[in-house]
Amino acid sequence: MAMATRPVGESSEERYQPLAEINVTPMVDVMLVLLVIFMVTAPLLMVGVPLDLPKTRAAAITEHKKPIILSLDRGGEVFIGDDKVAPGELEPRLAALAAEDPKRIVFVRGDKTITYAQLMDMLGEVNRAGFAKVSLVAEASGSK
């Protein structure tokens, strides 16, 4: 049977000194995992109103100013960005946004199940508010 012995004159406090270095490897690992998670989830956070958009082959539009995004879901509810707008509030809110900058572009998103009349009503309100640049948003269709 073997027994570990301590050298004479050396106590356990003298032999084990505290390590004054910080191990950053676990912190770097956690930060890389968070970076990957944010890179994957960031595109999903663009617009929060779920719509089933129609497909198109038109080229994507690039705009430097942040556009106003109007959405009309299948239930007929209207959203400015992610904020739900009551039916009587749309025109005053659009007029207030047009007073700030009438040259801003307005993106109109409509579920593919809405009627043409609903879409035209929304476009009419955008026009009455004073916006001149209006674009309809659709998903890109797959190339066949």
N, C-alpha and C. Protein backbone atom coordinates (compact mmCIF):
# COMPACT_ATOMS: atom_id res chain seq x y z
N MET A 1 0.82 -1.14 0.00
CA MET A 1 0.00 0.00 0.00
C MET A 1 0.90 1.24 0.00
N ALA A 2 0.65 2.12 -0.92
CA ALA A 2 1.49 3.32 -1.02
C ALA A 2 0.82 4.47 -0.30
N MET A 3 1.62 5.31 0.27
CA MET A 3 1.10 6.45 1.00
C MET A 3 1.82 7.70 0.50
N ALA A 4 1.00 8.75 0.22
CA ALA A 4 1.61 9.99 -0.23
C ALA A 4 2.09 10.77 0.97
N THR A 5 3.31 11.23 0.85
CA THR A 5 3.86 12.01 1.95
C THR A 5 4.18 13.41 1.46
N ARG A 6 4.18 14.32 2.37
CA ARG A 6 4.47 15.72 2.08
C ARG A 6 5.92 15.97 2.46
N PRO A 7 6.61 16.75 1.62
CA PRO A 7 7.99 17.05 2.02
C PRO A 7 8.01 17.81 3.35
N VAL A 8 9.07 17.60 4.09
CA VAL A 8 9.17 18.20 5.41
C VAL A 8 9.27 19.72 5.26
N GLY A 9 8.52 20.46 6.09
CA GLY A 9 8.58 21.92 6.09
C GLY A 9 7.66 22.57 5.06
N GLU A 10 6.88 21.78 4.35
CA GLU A 10 5.99 22.34 3.32
C GLU A 10 4.55 22.03 3.69
N SER A 11 3.75 23.07 3.96
CA SER A 11 2.35 22.86 4.32
C SER A 11 1.49 22.94 3.06
N SER A 12 0.20 22.58 3.17
CA SER A 12 -0.68 22.60 2.01
C SER A 12 -0.92 24.02 1.51
N GLU A 13 -0.88 25.05 2.41
CA GLU A 13 -1.07 26.43 1.97
C GLU A 13 0.10 26.90 1.13
N GLU A 14 1.28 26.45 1.40
CA GLU A 14 2.45 26.87 0.64
C GLU A 14 2.49 26.20 -0.73
N ARG A 15 2.01 25.00 -0.82
CA ARG A 15 2.07 24.24 -2.05
C ARG A 15 1.04 24.71 -3.07
N TYR A 16 -0.15 25.07 -2.66
CA TYR A 16 -1.22 25.45 -3.58
C TYR A 16 -1.43 26.95 -3.51
N GLN A 17 -0.98 27.63 -4.52
CA GLN A 17 -1.13 29.08 -4.62
C GLN A 17 -2.35 29.38 -5.49
N PRO A 18 -3.12 30.44 -5.17
CA PRO A 18 -4.28 30.78 -6.02
C PRO A 18 -3.84 31.21 -7.41
N LEU A 19 -4.62 30.80 -8.39
CA LEU A 19 -4.33 31.13 -9.79
C LEU A 19 -4.97 32.49 -10.09
N ALA A 20 -4.17 33.46 -10.50
CA ALA A 20 -4.64 34.83 -10.71
C ALA A 20 -5.00 35.10 -12.17
N GLU A 21 -5.11 34.09 -13.00
CA GLU A 21 -5.47 34.27 -14.41
C GLU A 21 -6.94 33.95 -14.60
N ILE A 22 -7.58 34.70 -15.50
CA ILE A 22 -8.99 34.46 -15.79
C ILE A 22 -9.07 33.60 -17.05
N ASN A 23 -9.83 32.53 -16.97
CA ASN A 23 -10.02 31.66 -18.12
C ASN A 23 -11.16 32.23 -18.96
N VAL A 24 -10.86 32.81 -20.13
CA VAL A 24 -11.88 33.45 -20.97
C VAL A 24 -12.47 32.51 -22.00
N THR A 25 -11.99 31.30 -22.09
CA THR A 25 -12.49 30.37 -23.09
C THR A 25 -13.99 30.10 -22.94
N PRO A 26 -14.52 29.84 -21.75
CA PRO A 26 -15.98 29.62 -21.65
C PRO A 26 -16.78 30.87 -22.04
N MET A 27 -16.27 32.05 -21.69
CA MET A 27 -16.97 33.28 -22.06
C MET A 27 -16.99 33.45 -23.58
N VAL A 28 -15.89 33.17 -24.24
CA VAL A 28 -15.84 33.28 -25.70
C VAL A 28 -16.78 32.26 -26.33
N ASP A 29 -16.85 31.07 -25.79
CA ASP A 29 -17.76 30.05 -26.32
C ASP A 29 -19.22 30.51 -26.21
N VAL A 30 -19.58 31.07 -25.07
CA VAL A 30 -20.95 31.55 -24.88
C VAL A 30 -21.25 32.70 -25.84
N MET A 31 -20.30 33.62 -26.00
CA MET A 31 -20.51 34.76 -26.90
C MET A 31 -20.67 34.30 -28.36
N LEU A 32 -19.91 33.31 -28.78
CA LEU A 32 -20.06 32.80 -30.15
C LEU A 32 -21.41 32.13 -30.35
N VAL A 33 -21.88 31.39 -29.35
CA VAL A 33 -23.20 30.78 -29.46
C VAL A 33 -24.28 31.85 -29.54
N LEU A 34 -24.19 32.90 -28.72
CA LEU A 34 -25.16 33.99 -28.78
C LEU A 34 -25.11 34.71 -30.12
N LEU A 35 -23.92 34.90 -30.67
CA LEU A 35 -23.79 35.54 -31.98
C LEU A 35 -24.51 34.73 -33.05
N VAL A 36 -24.32 33.42 -33.04
CA VAL A 36 -24.99 32.57 -34.02
C VAL A 36 -26.51 32.63 -33.84
N ILE A 37 -26.97 32.61 -32.60
CA ILE A 37 -28.42 32.68 -32.34
C ILE A 37 -28.99 33.99 -32.86
N PHE A 38 -28.32 35.11 -32.60
CA PHE A 38 -28.82 36.40 -33.06
C PHE A 38 -28.76 36.51 -34.58
N MET A 39 -27.76 35.92 -35.21
CA MET A 39 -27.67 35.96 -36.68
C MET A 39 -28.82 35.17 -37.30
N VAL A 40 -29.22 34.09 -36.67
CA VAL A 40 -30.31 33.28 -37.21
C VAL A 40 -31.66 33.94 -36.97
N THR A 41 -31.86 34.55 -35.79
CA THR A 41 -33.17 35.10 -35.46
C THR A 41 -33.39 36.51 -35.98
N ALA A 42 -32.36 37.27 -36.29
CA ALA A 42 -32.53 38.66 -36.72
C ALA A 42 -33.39 38.79 -37.98
N PRO A 43 -33.21 37.97 -39.02
CA PRO A 43 -34.09 38.13 -40.19
C PRO A 43 -35.56 37.85 -39.89
N LEU A 44 -35.84 37.06 -38.88
CA LEU A 44 -37.22 36.74 -38.55
C LEU A 44 -37.92 37.90 -37.85
N LEU A 45 -37.18 38.87 -37.36
CA LEU A 45 -37.75 39.97 -36.60
C LEU A 45 -38.05 41.20 -37.45
N MET A 46 -37.98 41.09 -38.76
CA MET A 46 -38.15 42.25 -39.62
C MET A 46 -39.56 42.83 -39.51
N VAL A 47 -40.56 42.09 -39.82
CA VAL A 47 -41.95 42.56 -39.73
C VAL A 47 -42.73 41.46 -39.02
N GLY A 48 -43.52 41.84 -38.02
CA GLY A 48 -44.15 40.85 -37.18
C GLY A 48 -45.53 40.41 -37.58
N VAL A 49 -46.15 41.00 -38.60
CA VAL A 49 -47.49 40.63 -38.98
C VAL A 49 -47.41 39.46 -39.96
N PRO A 50 -47.90 38.28 -39.59
CA PRO A 50 -47.80 37.13 -40.49
C PRO A 50 -48.82 37.24 -41.63
N LEU A 51 -48.31 37.25 -42.86
CA LEU A 51 -49.17 37.32 -44.04
C LEU A 51 -48.73 36.25 -45.03
N ASP A 52 -49.64 35.83 -45.85
CA ASP A 52 -49.34 34.92 -46.94
C ASP A 52 -49.29 35.77 -48.21
N LEU A 53 -48.09 36.30 -48.53
CA LEU A 53 -47.95 37.24 -49.64
C LEU A 53 -47.96 36.53 -50.99
N PRO A 54 -48.47 37.20 -52.03
CA PRO A 54 -48.41 36.62 -53.37
C PRO A 54 -46.97 36.63 -53.89
N LYS A 55 -46.69 35.83 -54.90
CA LYS A 55 -45.35 35.70 -55.47
C LYS A 55 -45.21 36.63 -56.69
N THR A 56 -43.96 37.07 -56.96
CA THR A 56 -43.67 37.88 -58.12
C THR A 56 -42.23 37.65 -58.55
N ARG A 57 -41.91 38.03 -59.78
CA ARG A 57 -40.55 37.90 -60.29
C ARG A 57 -39.86 39.26 -60.39
N ALA A 58 -40.46 40.31 -59.88
CA ALA A 58 -39.87 41.65 -59.95
C ALA A 58 -38.62 41.72 -59.07
N ALA A 59 -37.71 42.62 -59.43
CA ALA A 59 -36.48 42.80 -58.67
C ALA A 59 -36.76 43.49 -57.34
N ALA A 60 -35.93 43.22 -56.37
CA ALA A 60 -36.08 43.83 -55.05
C ALA A 60 -35.74 45.31 -55.11
N ILE A 61 -36.42 46.11 -54.26
CA ILE A 61 -36.21 47.55 -54.22
C ILE A 61 -35.26 47.87 -53.07
N THR A 62 -34.29 48.76 -53.33
CA THR A 62 -33.42 49.22 -52.27
C THR A 62 -33.75 50.68 -51.98
N GLU A 63 -33.95 50.99 -50.72
CA GLU A 63 -34.33 52.34 -50.29
C GLU A 63 -33.49 52.71 -49.09
N HIS A 64 -32.97 53.96 -49.06
CA HIS A 64 -32.10 54.38 -47.97
C HIS A 64 -32.87 54.85 -46.75
N LYS A 65 -34.02 55.52 -46.93
CA LYS A 65 -34.84 55.94 -45.80
C LYS A 65 -35.68 54.77 -45.33
N LYS A 66 -36.03 54.78 -44.04
CA LYS A 66 -36.87 53.71 -43.51
C LYS A 66 -38.29 53.92 -44.02
N PRO A 67 -38.85 52.95 -44.71
CA PRO A 67 -40.20 53.12 -45.28
C PRO A 67 -41.29 52.92 -44.22
N ILE A 68 -42.48 53.35 -44.58
CA ILE A 68 -43.67 53.09 -43.77
C ILE A 68 -44.26 51.80 -44.31
N ILE A 69 -44.52 50.84 -43.45
CA ILE A 69 -45.04 49.55 -43.90
C ILE A 69 -46.48 49.41 -43.42
N LEU A 70 -47.41 49.36 -44.38
CA LEU A 70 -48.82 49.13 -44.09
C LEU A 70 -49.13 47.68 -44.42
N SER A 71 -49.81 47.00 -43.53
CA SER A 71 -50.16 45.60 -43.75
C SER A 71 -51.66 45.42 -43.56
N LEU A 72 -52.24 44.59 -44.41
CA LEU A 72 -53.66 44.24 -44.32
C LEU A 72 -53.73 42.73 -44.27
N ASP A 73 -54.15 42.20 -43.10
CA ASP A 73 -54.17 40.74 -42.96
C ASP A 73 -55.48 40.16 -43.48
N ARG A 74 -55.57 38.84 -43.45
CA ARG A 74 -56.74 38.16 -44.04
C ARG A 74 -58.03 38.48 -43.32
N GLY A 75 -57.96 38.96 -42.08
CA GLY A 75 -59.16 39.35 -41.34
C GLY A 75 -59.58 40.79 -41.60
N GLY A 76 -58.83 41.51 -42.44
CA GLY A 76 -59.15 42.89 -42.76
C GLY A 76 -58.60 43.89 -41.78
N GLU A 77 -57.75 43.45 -40.85
CA GLU A 77 -57.16 44.36 -39.88
C GLU A 77 -55.95 45.06 -40.50
N VAL A 78 -55.78 46.34 -40.19
CA VAL A 78 -54.72 47.16 -40.77
C VAL A 78 -53.65 47.40 -39.71
N PHE A 79 -52.38 47.35 -40.14
CA PHE A 79 -51.24 47.57 -39.27
C PHE A 79 -50.33 48.60 -39.91
N ILE A 80 -49.78 49.50 -39.10
CA ILE A 80 -48.68 50.36 -39.53
C ILE A 80 -47.46 49.82 -38.79
N GLY A 81 -46.54 49.23 -39.53
CA GLY A 81 -45.44 48.50 -38.90
C GLY A 81 -46.02 47.29 -38.19
N ASP A 82 -45.82 47.21 -36.88
CA ASP A 82 -46.39 46.12 -36.08
C ASP A 82 -47.59 46.59 -35.26
N ASP A 83 -47.95 47.87 -35.37
CA ASP A 83 -49.03 48.43 -34.56
C ASP A 83 -50.37 48.30 -35.27
N LYS A 84 -51.33 47.69 -34.58
CA LYS A 84 -52.67 47.55 -35.14
C LYS A 84 -53.36 48.91 -35.11
N VAL A 85 -54.06 49.24 -36.19
CA VAL A 85 -54.72 50.54 -36.33
C VAL A 85 -56.22 50.31 -36.44
N ALA A 86 -56.98 51.06 -35.66
CA ALA A 86 -58.44 50.98 -35.75
C ALA A 86 -58.89 51.55 -37.10
N PRO A 87 -60.04 51.09 -37.64
CA PRO A 87 -60.47 51.55 -38.97
C PRO A 87 -60.57 53.06 -39.12
N GLY A 88 -61.00 53.80 -38.12
CA GLY A 88 -61.14 55.24 -38.24
C GLY A 88 -59.84 56.01 -38.01
N GLU A 89 -58.81 55.34 -37.50
CA GLU A 89 -57.55 56.00 -37.18
C GLU A 89 -56.56 56.02 -38.34
N LEU A 90 -56.74 55.22 -39.36
CA LEU A 90 -55.73 55.07 -40.39
C LEU A 90 -55.43 56.38 -41.10
N GLU A 91 -56.46 57.07 -41.58
CA GLU A 91 -56.22 58.29 -42.35
C GLU A 91 -55.53 59.38 -41.52
N PRO A 92 -55.97 59.65 -40.26
CA PRO A 92 -55.24 60.67 -39.48
C PRO A 92 -53.79 60.29 -39.18
N ARG A 93 -53.55 59.02 -38.92
CA ARG A 93 -52.17 58.60 -38.64
C ARG A 93 -51.30 58.71 -39.88
N LEU A 94 -51.86 58.34 -41.05
CA LEU A 94 -51.09 58.49 -42.29
C LEU A 94 -50.84 59.96 -42.60
N ALA A 95 -51.84 60.82 -42.35
CA ALA A 95 -51.67 62.25 -42.59
C ALA A 95 -50.58 62.83 -41.70
N ALA A 96 -50.50 62.37 -40.46
CA ALA A 96 -49.45 62.83 -39.55
C ALA A 96 -48.07 62.38 -40.05
N LEU A 97 -47.98 61.16 -40.54
CA LEU A 97 -46.70 60.67 -41.08
C LEU A 97 -46.32 61.41 -42.36
N ALA A 98 -47.31 61.74 -43.18
CA ALA A 98 -47.05 62.48 -44.42
C ALA A 98 -46.62 63.90 -44.12
N ALA A 99 -47.13 64.49 -43.04
CA ALA A 99 -46.72 65.85 -42.67
C ALA A 99 -45.25 65.88 -42.27
N GLU A 100 -44.76 64.79 -41.67
CA GLU A 100 -43.35 64.72 -41.30
C GLU A 100 -42.45 64.65 -42.53
N ASP A 101 -42.77 63.74 -43.46
CA ASP A 101 -41.96 63.57 -44.67
C ASP A 101 -42.82 62.96 -45.77
N PRO A 102 -43.38 63.80 -46.67
CA PRO A 102 -44.24 63.27 -47.73
C PRO A 102 -43.49 62.49 -48.80
N LYS A 103 -42.17 62.56 -48.81
CA LYS A 103 -41.38 61.84 -49.82
C LYS A 103 -41.01 60.43 -49.38
N ARG A 104 -41.38 60.07 -48.16
CA ARG A 104 -41.11 58.71 -47.70
C ARG A 104 -41.91 57.72 -48.51
N ILE A 105 -41.33 56.57 -48.72
CA ILE A 105 -42.02 55.53 -49.49
C ILE A 105 -42.92 54.73 -48.54
N VAL A 106 -44.05 54.30 -49.06
CA VAL A 106 -45.00 53.49 -48.29
C VAL A 106 -45.06 52.12 -48.94
N PHE A 107 -44.75 51.08 -48.17
CA PHE A 107 -44.87 49.71 -48.65
C PHE A 107 -46.22 49.18 -48.18
N VAL A 108 -47.01 48.70 -49.09
CA VAL A 108 -48.32 48.14 -48.77
C VAL A 108 -48.23 46.63 -48.93
N ARG A 109 -48.49 45.93 -47.84
CA ARG A 109 -48.48 44.47 -47.83
C ARG A 109 -49.90 44.00 -47.61
N GLY A 110 -50.36 43.11 -48.44
CA GLY A 110 -51.71 42.58 -48.29
C GLY A 110 -51.70 41.07 -48.43
N ASP A 111 -52.41 40.41 -47.56
CA ASP A 111 -52.55 38.97 -47.65
C ASP A 111 -53.17 38.62 -49.00
N LYS A 112 -52.78 37.51 -49.59
CA LYS A 112 -53.29 37.19 -50.93
C LYS A 112 -54.77 36.81 -50.93
N THR A 113 -55.36 36.65 -49.75
CA THR A 113 -56.78 36.30 -49.70
C THR A 113 -57.69 37.53 -49.61
N ILE A 114 -57.12 38.74 -49.46
CA ILE A 114 -57.98 39.93 -49.37
C ILE A 114 -58.54 40.26 -50.74
N THR A 115 -59.61 41.06 -50.76
CA THR A 115 -60.23 41.43 -52.04
C THR A 115 -59.51 42.62 -52.64
N TYR A 116 -59.70 42.77 -53.92
CA TYR A 116 -59.14 43.91 -54.65
C TYR A 116 -59.69 45.21 -54.09
N ALA A 117 -60.96 45.22 -53.69
CA ALA A 117 -61.59 46.43 -53.15
C ALA A 117 -60.93 46.84 -51.84
N GLN A 118 -60.58 45.88 -50.99
CA GLN A 118 -59.91 46.21 -49.72
C GLN A 118 -58.55 46.85 -49.99
N LEU A 119 -57.81 46.29 -50.94
CA LEU A 119 -56.50 46.83 -51.28
C LEU A 119 -56.63 48.24 -51.86
N MET A 120 -57.60 48.45 -52.74
CA MET A 120 -57.79 49.77 -53.35
C MET A 120 -58.23 50.80 -52.32
N ASP A 121 -59.05 50.40 -51.33
CA ASP A 121 -59.43 51.32 -50.26
C ASP A 121 -58.20 51.78 -49.48
N MET A 122 -57.30 50.85 -49.17
CA MET A 122 -56.09 51.21 -48.44
C MET A 122 -55.21 52.14 -49.29
N LEU A 123 -55.06 51.83 -50.57
CA LEU A 123 -54.26 52.68 -51.44
C LEU A 123 -54.86 54.08 -51.57
N GLY A 124 -56.19 54.16 -51.58
CA GLY A 124 -56.84 55.45 -51.64
C GLY A 124 -56.56 56.28 -50.39
N GLU A 125 -56.57 55.64 -49.23
CA GLU A 125 -56.26 56.36 -47.99
C GLU A 125 -54.82 56.82 -47.96
N VAL A 126 -53.90 56.02 -48.49
CA VAL A 126 -52.50 56.42 -48.57
C VAL A 126 -52.36 57.64 -49.48
N ASN A 127 -53.07 57.64 -50.60
CA ASN A 127 -53.02 58.76 -51.53
C ASN A 127 -53.61 60.02 -50.91
N ARG A 128 -54.75 59.91 -50.24
CA ARG A 128 -55.38 61.07 -49.60
C ARG A 128 -54.51 61.65 -48.49
N ALA A 129 -53.69 60.81 -47.87
CA ALA A 129 -52.81 61.29 -46.81
C ALA A 129 -51.69 62.16 -47.36
N GLY A 130 -51.38 62.02 -48.66
CA GLY A 130 -50.35 62.87 -49.26
C GLY A 130 -49.09 62.16 -49.68
N PHE A 131 -49.08 60.85 -49.66
CA PHE A 131 -47.89 60.12 -50.10
C PHE A 131 -47.93 59.91 -51.61
N ALA A 132 -46.78 60.10 -52.28
CA ALA A 132 -46.70 59.91 -53.72
C ALA A 132 -45.99 58.61 -54.09
N LYS A 133 -45.12 58.13 -53.21
CA LYS A 133 -44.37 56.90 -53.49
C LYS A 133 -45.00 55.74 -52.73
N VAL A 134 -45.66 54.87 -53.46
CA VAL A 134 -46.32 53.71 -52.86
C VAL A 134 -45.89 52.47 -53.63
N SER A 135 -45.51 51.44 -52.91
CA SER A 135 -45.11 50.18 -53.53
C SER A 135 -45.88 49.03 -52.89
N LEU A 136 -46.25 48.08 -53.71
CA LEU A 136 -46.89 46.86 -53.22
C LEU A 136 -45.82 45.81 -52.98
N VAL A 137 -45.93 45.09 -51.87
CA VAL A 137 -44.93 44.11 -51.49
C VAL A 137 -45.43 42.71 -51.81
N ALA A 138 -44.57 41.89 -52.39
CA ALA A 138 -44.86 40.48 -52.67
C ALA A 138 -43.61 39.67 -52.40
N GLU A 139 -43.76 38.38 -52.24
CA GLU A 139 -42.63 37.49 -52.08
C GLU A 139 -42.09 37.12 -53.46
N ALA A 140 -40.79 36.88 -53.53
CA ALA A 140 -40.19 36.44 -54.79
C ALA A 140 -40.57 34.99 -55.05
N SER A 141 -41.02 34.71 -56.26
CA SER A 141 -41.36 33.33 -56.59
C SER A 141 -40.11 32.58 -56.99
N GLY A 142 -40.12 31.29 -56.80
CA GLY A 142 -38.96 30.47 -57.16
C GLY A 142 -38.80 30.43 -58.68
N SER A 143 -37.57 30.45 -59.17
CA SER A 143 -37.33 30.41 -60.62
C SER A 143 -37.53 29.01 -61.12
N LYS A 144 -38.35 28.87 -62.16
CA LYS A 144 -38.64 27.55 -62.75
C LYS A 144 -38.29 27.56 -64.20
